[in-house]
Amino acid sequence: MIQGIFFTFGTFTLLGVSFFCKKQREYKNKYLGIITLYALINVFIHTFNYSLANSIASSYINYCLLSEGFIYILCGCLLFYLIVSYSKNFKLAYPILIINIINLLFIILQKAGAKVIWERMSGVCGMMGFAPHLVIFSAISVPIIFSLYKPLAVIPLANLIIGHYGWNYSFSGVFALFMAIGIVLLIKRKFMWLGVTSVLLGLFIFPNLSQFLGKATLRFEVWMISLKEIVAHPFIGNGFDNTLSANMVNSTAGYMYRHNDYLNIARDLGLPFLAIILAGIYKILRRTKIDYFFVAILVLAVSSMTWTSMYFARLAVMGIVMLAVKELDNVRISNLRNLL
């Protein structure tokens, strides 16, 4: 994918630039090391298994495909490390605001019939290239831009409402936004507002209940198939697969994405790898303050339960950068405490 190329070469470009820059802080993270080494070892495990039953040429092709998947994980860890180690004062809200403004302009043009940027796009996708990604990105952006200047949050909300044919087709993004807000309200024990949020979520779901249940039924079927794949190889997974059906399963409705990043990860690299990632994320979030960025991370975490998000670079980078910003805050606070 083009976005994958931009992601990998962009990350390596930042690495090259970092050689000319002074580190702002020393940073070590054992989870980054474990994730990288685990993924690297997984490449050779599955290449060896594949080579036992196939020709040398086929094994080499499989090795290249597996290595491509590893490169994405390596670049993700590297991007996280570079942000935390070299950033002085990283402001994520401003570029997110600019992207949302561009998305809104493109949505208006696309609604008018103009095919801007994406010639083979289906529906309205802003500059995201894929309509559901517009919905998820907009949902993530709402709390971030709200933290910058509250009235400006109407921009990602507008993208969420009018993008991808409106509310009826925006389940994943809207549902994730409501759920993330509900989780934060539950943590803060604001039960009255939690009740209000639950009512609003119900008002969103009820008029579209039949469609909601239809989507839920198909997803449940796909998840059951995915669980069987995981049970077959729970520890080492099935390996990276970059063919057309990489993250898809054959359901009664035809080939469908698994619509669950957690199942994708467990299927590809095994349950231990998923546990390591979740442990690393938990370590970051449990030390950080619950703010609008925390809500945004929860939006992505919830949407990853109902959609394939983190397997696409445009959303994966968003998640990595948000976690890096929160870890940057943790490191600064820790360094300040050490000085005191």
Protein backbone atom coordinates (compact mmCIF):
# COMPACT_ATOMS: atom_id res chain seq x y z
CA MET A 1 0.00 0.00 0.00
CA ILE A 2 1.05 3.57 -0.71
CA GLN A 3 0.38 4.60 2.90
CA GLY A 4 2.69 1.80 4.08
CA ILE A 5 5.47 3.13 1.83
CA PHE A 6 5.03 6.66 3.18
CA PHE A 7 5.06 5.27 6.73
CA THR A 8 8.27 3.25 6.39
CA PHE A 9 10.26 5.75 4.35
CA GLY A 10 8.96 8.62 6.45
CA THR A 11 10.10 6.89 9.64
CA PHE A 12 13.55 6.13 8.22
CA THR A 13 13.81 9.76 7.06
CA LEU A 14 13.13 10.90 10.64
CA LEU A 15 15.78 8.46 11.83
CA GLY A 16 18.29 9.96 9.40
CA VAL A 17 17.45 13.50 10.52
CA SER A 18 17.78 12.47 14.17
CA PHE A 19 21.50 11.78 13.63
CA PHE A 20 21.94 15.53 13.21
CA CYS A 21 19.89 16.39 16.30
CA LYS A 22 20.63 16.38 19.98
CA LYS A 23 18.65 13.96 22.13
CA GLN A 24 16.32 15.74 24.49
CA ARG A 25 16.24 12.88 26.94
CA GLU A 26 17.55 9.35 27.48
CA TYR A 27 14.74 6.86 27.06
CA LYS A 28 14.54 3.10 27.45
CA ASN A 29 11.49 0.90 26.97
CA LYS A 30 11.80 -2.86 27.31
CA TYR A 31 8.44 -3.39 25.63
CA LEU A 32 9.72 -1.82 22.41
CA GLY A 33 12.68 -4.20 22.46
CA ILE A 34 10.57 -7.28 23.20
CA ILE A 35 8.01 -6.40 20.49
CA THR A 36 10.72 -5.87 17.87
CA LEU A 37 12.67 -9.04 18.70
CA TYR A 38 9.51 -11.15 18.99
CA ALA A 39 8.35 -10.02 15.52
CA LEU A 40 11.83 -10.64 14.07
CA ILE A 41 12.04 -14.17 15.48
CA ASN A 42 8.50 -14.84 14.21
CA VAL A 43 9.67 -14.12 10.64
CA PHE A 44 12.25 -16.90 10.78
CA ILE A 45 9.95 -19.34 12.59
CA HIS A 46 7.32 -19.14 9.89
CA THR A 47 9.84 -19.04 7.05
CA PHE A 48 11.34 -22.30 8.36
CA ASN A 49 7.94 -23.96 8.67
CA TYR A 50 6.98 -22.81 5.20
CA SER A 51 10.23 -24.01 3.61
CA LEU A 52 9.71 -27.59 4.82
CA ALA A 53 6.85 -28.10 2.38
CA ASN A 54 7.76 -25.70 -0.45
CA SER A 55 10.52 -24.89 -2.91
CA ILE A 56 13.43 -22.59 -2.14
CA ALA A 57 11.97 -19.93 -4.46
CA SER A 58 8.58 -20.05 -2.70
CA SER A 59 10.32 -19.88 0.67
CA TYR A 60 12.24 -16.77 -0.40
CA ILE A 61 9.03 -15.05 -1.54
CA ASN A 62 7.37 -15.97 1.75
CA TYR A 63 10.39 -14.62 3.64
CA CYS A 64 10.07 -11.28 1.81
CA LEU A 65 6.37 -11.06 2.68
CA LEU A 66 7.05 -11.88 6.32
CA SER A 67 9.87 -9.32 6.41
CA GLU A 68 7.54 -6.62 5.10
CA GLY A 69 5.23 -7.19 8.05
CA PHE A 70 8.20 -7.04 10.42
CA ILE A 71 9.38 -3.75 8.90
CA TYR A 72 6.04 -2.14 9.76
CA ILE A 73 6.40 -3.21 13.41
CA LEU A 74 10.03 -2.06 13.50
CA CYS A 75 9.06 1.36 12.09
CA GLY A 76 6.21 1.67 14.58
CA CYS A 77 8.56 1.06 17.52
CA LEU A 78 11.19 3.34 15.98
CA LEU A 79 8.72 6.19 15.43
CA PHE A 80 7.56 5.92 19.05
CA TYR A 81 11.17 5.98 20.29
CA LEU A 82 12.14 8.99 18.13
CA ILE A 83 9.18 11.08 19.33
CA VAL A 84 9.85 10.39 23.00
CA SER A 85 13.63 10.79 22.74
CA TYR A 86 13.94 13.83 20.47
CA SER A 87 10.76 15.92 20.79
CA LYS A 88 10.98 19.24 22.63
CA ASN A 89 7.36 20.33 22.67
CA PHE A 90 5.27 18.08 20.45
CA LYS A 91 1.91 19.69 19.50
CA LEU A 92 -0.34 17.08 17.91
CA ALA A 93 -3.61 19.05 17.99
CA TYR A 94 -2.60 21.56 15.29
CA PRO A 95 -1.75 19.07 12.49
CA ILE A 96 -4.88 17.09 13.41
CA LEU A 97 -6.95 20.27 13.04
CA ILE A 98 -5.39 21.02 9.63
CA ILE A 99 -6.08 17.48 8.38
CA ASN A 100 -9.71 17.75 9.52
CA ILE A 101 -10.15 21.08 7.72
CA ILE A 102 -8.75 19.55 4.52
CA ASN A 103 -11.01 16.52 5.02
CA LEU A 104 -14.04 18.80 5.31
CA LEU A 105 -13.12 20.68 2.13
CA PHE A 106 -12.62 17.43 0.24
CA ILE A 107 -15.90 16.03 1.57
CA ILE A 108 -17.74 19.07 0.21
CA LEU A 109 -16.06 18.65 -3.18
CA GLN A 110 -16.73 14.90 -3.22
CA LYS A 111 -20.37 15.47 -2.30
CA ALA A 112 -20.53 17.74 -5.36
CA GLY A 113 -19.18 14.91 -7.53
CA ALA A 114 -15.51 15.88 -7.76
CA LYS A 115 -13.01 13.02 -7.51
CA VAL A 116 -10.17 14.76 -5.70
CA ILE A 117 -6.96 12.83 -4.93
CA TRP A 118 -8.54 9.36 -4.97
CA GLU A 119 -9.67 8.49 -8.50
CA ARG A 120 -10.91 5.01 -7.57
CA MET A 121 -12.56 5.96 -4.32
CA SER A 122 -16.02 4.73 -3.41
CA GLY A 123 -18.27 7.22 -1.68
CA VAL A 124 -17.02 10.14 0.39
CA CYS A 125 -13.65 9.71 2.08
CA GLY A 126 -12.13 13.19 2.43
CA MET A 127 -8.39 12.78 1.95
CA MET A 128 -8.31 9.42 3.79
CA GLY A 129 -8.82 7.21 0.73
CA PHE A 130 -11.20 4.87 2.55
CA ALA A 131 -14.54 6.11 3.89
CA PRO A 132 -14.59 4.15 7.21
CA HIS A 133 -11.14 5.56 8.01
CA LEU A 134 -12.56 9.05 7.61
CA VAL A 135 -15.19 8.18 10.22
CA ILE A 136 -12.69 6.70 12.69
CA PHE A 137 -10.15 9.49 12.20
CA SER A 138 -12.86 12.11 12.74
CA ALA A 139 -14.06 10.38 15.92
CA ILE A 140 -10.50 10.31 17.28
CA SER A 141 -10.05 13.98 16.38
CA VAL A 142 -13.11 15.25 18.28
CA PRO A 143 -11.58 15.15 21.82
CA ILE A 144 -8.14 16.28 20.55
CA ILE A 145 -9.46 19.39 18.80
CA PHE A 146 -11.90 19.99 21.68
CA SER A 147 -8.85 20.29 23.95
CA LEU A 148 -7.37 22.92 21.62
CA TYR A 149 -10.45 25.14 21.25
CA LYS A 150 -13.89 23.77 22.03
CA PRO A 151 -15.89 25.38 19.16
CA LEU A 152 -13.46 23.94 16.59
CA ALA A 153 -14.60 20.42 17.54
CA VAL A 154 -17.55 21.06 15.22
CA ILE A 155 -15.19 20.41 12.26
CA PRO A 156 -14.45 16.71 12.98
CA LEU A 157 -18.07 16.31 14.11
CA ALA A 158 -19.19 17.62 10.71
CA ASN A 159 -16.83 15.16 9.00
CA LEU A 160 -18.27 12.40 11.15
CA ILE A 161 -21.89 13.31 10.35
CA ILE A 162 -21.75 14.12 6.64
CA GLY A 163 -18.85 11.86 5.69
CA HIS A 164 -19.43 8.24 4.62
CA TYR A 165 -23.14 8.89 3.81
CA GLY A 166 -24.08 10.18 7.27
CA TRP A 167 -24.93 8.68 10.65
CA ASN A 168 -26.38 5.40 9.35
CA TYR A 169 -22.98 4.30 8.03
CA SER A 170 -20.80 5.70 10.81
CA PHE A 171 -21.37 3.00 13.44
CA SER A 172 -17.76 2.22 14.30
CA GLY A 173 -16.64 5.82 14.78
CA VAL A 174 -19.73 7.10 16.60
CA PHE A 175 -20.00 3.98 18.77
CA ALA A 176 -16.29 4.20 19.70
CA LEU A 177 -16.60 7.89 20.60
CA PHE A 178 -19.59 7.29 22.89
CA MET A 179 -17.95 4.24 24.49
CA ALA A 180 -14.67 6.09 25.14
CA ILE A 181 -16.52 8.97 26.81
CA GLY A 182 -18.53 6.45 28.84
CA ILE A 183 -15.40 4.65 30.03
CA VAL A 184 -13.81 7.90 31.22
CA LEU A 185 -17.02 8.92 33.01
CA LEU A 186 -17.09 5.51 34.68
CA ILE A 187 -13.46 5.85 35.81
CA LYS A 188 -14.20 9.29 37.23
CA ARG A 189 -17.43 7.99 38.85
CA LYS A 190 -19.60 10.60 37.13
CA PHE A 191 -22.58 8.30 36.95
CA MET A 192 -25.17 10.94 36.05
CA TRP A 193 -23.25 11.95 32.92
CA LEU A 194 -22.60 8.27 32.22
CA GLY A 195 -26.36 7.78 32.16
CA VAL A 196 -26.80 10.71 29.78
CA THR A 197 -24.11 9.30 27.48
CA SER A 198 -25.78 5.87 27.55
CA VAL A 199 -29.14 7.41 26.59
CA LEU A 200 -27.54 9.31 23.70
CA LEU A 201 -25.85 6.13 22.50
CA GLY A 202 -29.20 4.33 22.69
CA LEU A 203 -30.86 7.11 20.68
CA PHE A 204 -28.18 6.65 18.03
CA ILE A 205 -28.51 2.86 17.88
CA PHE A 206 -32.30 2.46 18.18
CA PRO A 207 -33.34 4.09 14.86
CA ASN A 208 -30.73 1.94 13.10
CA LEU A 209 -31.21 -1.18 15.23
CA SER A 210 -31.78 -3.62 12.37
CA GLN A 211 -28.65 -2.46 10.56
CA PHE A 212 -26.68 -2.48 13.82
CA LEU A 213 -27.76 -6.07 14.57
CA GLY A 214 -26.95 -7.11 11.00
CA LYS A 215 -23.43 -5.75 11.26
CA ALA A 216 -23.00 -7.28 14.72
CA THR A 217 -24.14 -10.71 13.48
CA LEU A 218 -21.66 -10.71 10.59
CA ARG A 219 -18.84 -9.54 12.81
CA PHE A 220 -19.60 -12.23 15.37
CA GLU A 221 -19.41 -14.87 12.64
CA VAL A 222 -16.07 -13.53 11.42
CA TRP A 223 -14.72 -13.35 14.98
CA MET A 224 -15.62 -16.99 15.62
CA ILE A 225 -13.71 -18.03 12.50
CA SER A 226 -10.74 -15.93 13.62
CA LEU A 227 -10.77 -17.52 17.08
CA LYS A 228 -10.50 -20.95 15.48
CA GLU A 229 -7.40 -19.77 13.58
CA ILE A 230 -5.91 -18.46 16.82
CA VAL A 231 -6.63 -21.69 18.70
CA ALA A 232 -4.79 -23.61 15.96
CA HIS A 233 -1.58 -21.60 16.58
CA PRO A 234 -1.98 -19.75 19.89
CA PHE A 235 1.70 -19.12 20.68
CA ILE A 236 3.44 -18.32 17.39
CA GLY A 237 0.41 -17.32 15.34
CA ASN A 238 0.02 -17.92 11.62
CA GLY A 239 2.67 -15.42 10.55
CA PHE A 240 2.37 -12.23 8.55
CA ASP A 241 0.29 -12.59 5.42
CA ASN A 242 0.43 -9.77 2.87
CA THR A 243 -1.71 -11.39 0.19
CA LEU A 244 -5.09 -9.99 -0.89
CA SER A 245 -6.81 -11.92 1.91
CA ALA A 246 -4.30 -10.83 4.55
CA ASN A 247 -6.82 -9.77 7.18
CA MET A 248 -9.92 -11.35 5.66
CA VAL A 249 -11.91 -14.52 6.27
CA ASN A 250 -14.46 -16.31 4.12
CA SER A 251 -17.89 -15.76 5.75
CA THR A 252 -21.45 -16.33 4.59
CA ALA A 253 -21.37 -12.78 3.18
CA GLY A 254 -18.16 -13.49 1.25
CA TYR A 255 -14.65 -12.40 2.14
CA MET A 256 -14.67 -9.91 5.01
CA TYR A 257 -12.11 -8.18 7.16
CA ARG A 258 -11.90 -9.53 10.70
CA HIS A 259 -13.04 -6.14 12.00
CA ASN A 260 -10.98 -6.63 15.14
CA ASP A 261 -7.32 -5.61 15.44
CA TYR A 262 -6.81 -7.65 18.60
CA LEU A 263 -7.85 -10.83 16.80
CA ASN A 264 -5.69 -9.81 13.82
CA ILE A 265 -2.61 -9.50 16.03
CA ALA A 266 -3.26 -12.76 17.88
CA ARG A 267 -3.90 -14.56 14.60
CA ASP A 268 -0.71 -13.26 12.95
CA LEU A 269 1.79 -13.30 15.83
CA GLY A 270 0.17 -15.25 18.66
CA LEU A 271 -1.45 -14.48 21.99
CA PRO A 272 1.86 -13.71 23.81
CA PHE A 273 2.59 -10.92 21.33
CA LEU A 274 -0.86 -9.42 21.89
CA ALA A 275 -0.34 -9.62 25.66
CA ILE A 276 3.02 -7.80 25.37
CA ILE A 277 1.51 -4.96 23.34
CA LEU A 278 -1.43 -4.55 25.73
CA ALA A 279 0.92 -4.61 28.73
CA GLY A 280 3.09 -1.88 27.17
CA ILE A 281 0.06 0.31 26.43
CA TYR A 282 -1.33 -0.26 29.93
CA LYS A 283 1.98 0.80 31.47
CA ILE A 284 1.79 4.11 29.56
CA LEU A 285 -1.86 4.86 30.29
CA ARG A 286 -1.91 3.90 33.97
CA ARG A 287 0.68 6.59 34.76
CA THR A 288 -0.84 9.34 32.67
CA LYS A 289 -3.58 11.82 33.48
CA ILE A 290 -7.06 11.23 32.12
CA ASP A 291 -7.50 14.07 29.63
CA TYR A 292 -8.84 14.58 26.12
CA PHE A 293 -5.88 12.72 24.58
CA PHE A 294 -6.69 9.80 26.85
CA VAL A 295 -10.23 9.84 25.44
CA ALA A 296 -8.86 9.92 21.88
CA ILE A 297 -6.69 6.86 22.57
CA LEU A 298 -9.72 5.06 23.98
CA VAL A 299 -11.70 5.92 20.83
CA LEU A 300 -9.06 4.19 18.71
CA ALA A 301 -8.83 1.26 21.15
CA VAL A 302 -12.61 0.71 21.02
CA SER A 303 -12.84 1.15 17.24
CA SER A 304 -10.10 -1.47 16.92
CA MET A 305 -12.55 -3.95 18.49
CA THR A 306 -15.07 -3.47 15.70
CA TRP A 307 -12.92 -2.49 12.75
CA THR A 308 -9.53 -3.16 11.16
CA SER A 309 -7.80 0.10 12.09
CA MET A 310 -4.21 -0.41 13.20
CA TYR A 311 -3.36 -2.54 10.15
CA PHE A 312 -3.63 0.62 8.03
CA ALA A 313 -0.73 3.05 8.32
CA ARG A 314 -2.84 6.23 8.36
CA LEU A 315 -4.57 5.12 11.58
CA ALA A 316 -1.65 3.17 13.05
CA VAL A 317 0.56 6.28 12.93
CA MET A 318 -2.18 8.21 14.71
CA GLY A 319 -2.24 5.64 17.52
CA ILE A 320 1.55 5.46 17.82
CA VAL A 321 1.92 9.24 17.96
CA MET A 322 -0.83 9.64 20.58
CA LEU A 323 0.77 7.01 22.81
CA ALA A 324 4.18 8.61 22.32
CA VAL A 325 2.77 12.01 23.37
CA LYS A 326 1.34 10.47 26.55
CA GLU A 327 4.62 8.67 27.27
CA LEU A 328 6.48 11.93 26.69
CA ASP A 329 4.36 13.52 29.43
CA ASN A 330 5.13 10.56 31.73
CA VAL A 331 8.88 10.89 31.15
CA ARG A 332 8.83 14.65 31.77
CA ILE A 333 6.94 14.22 35.03
CA SER A 334 9.28 11.43 36.11
CA ASN A 335 12.37 13.53 35.34
CA LEU A 336 10.90 16.48 37.24
CA ARG A 337 10.27 14.29 40.28
CA ASN A 338 13.84 13.01 40.17
CA LEU A 339 15.13 16.60 40.18
CA LEU A 340 13.00 17.40 43.22
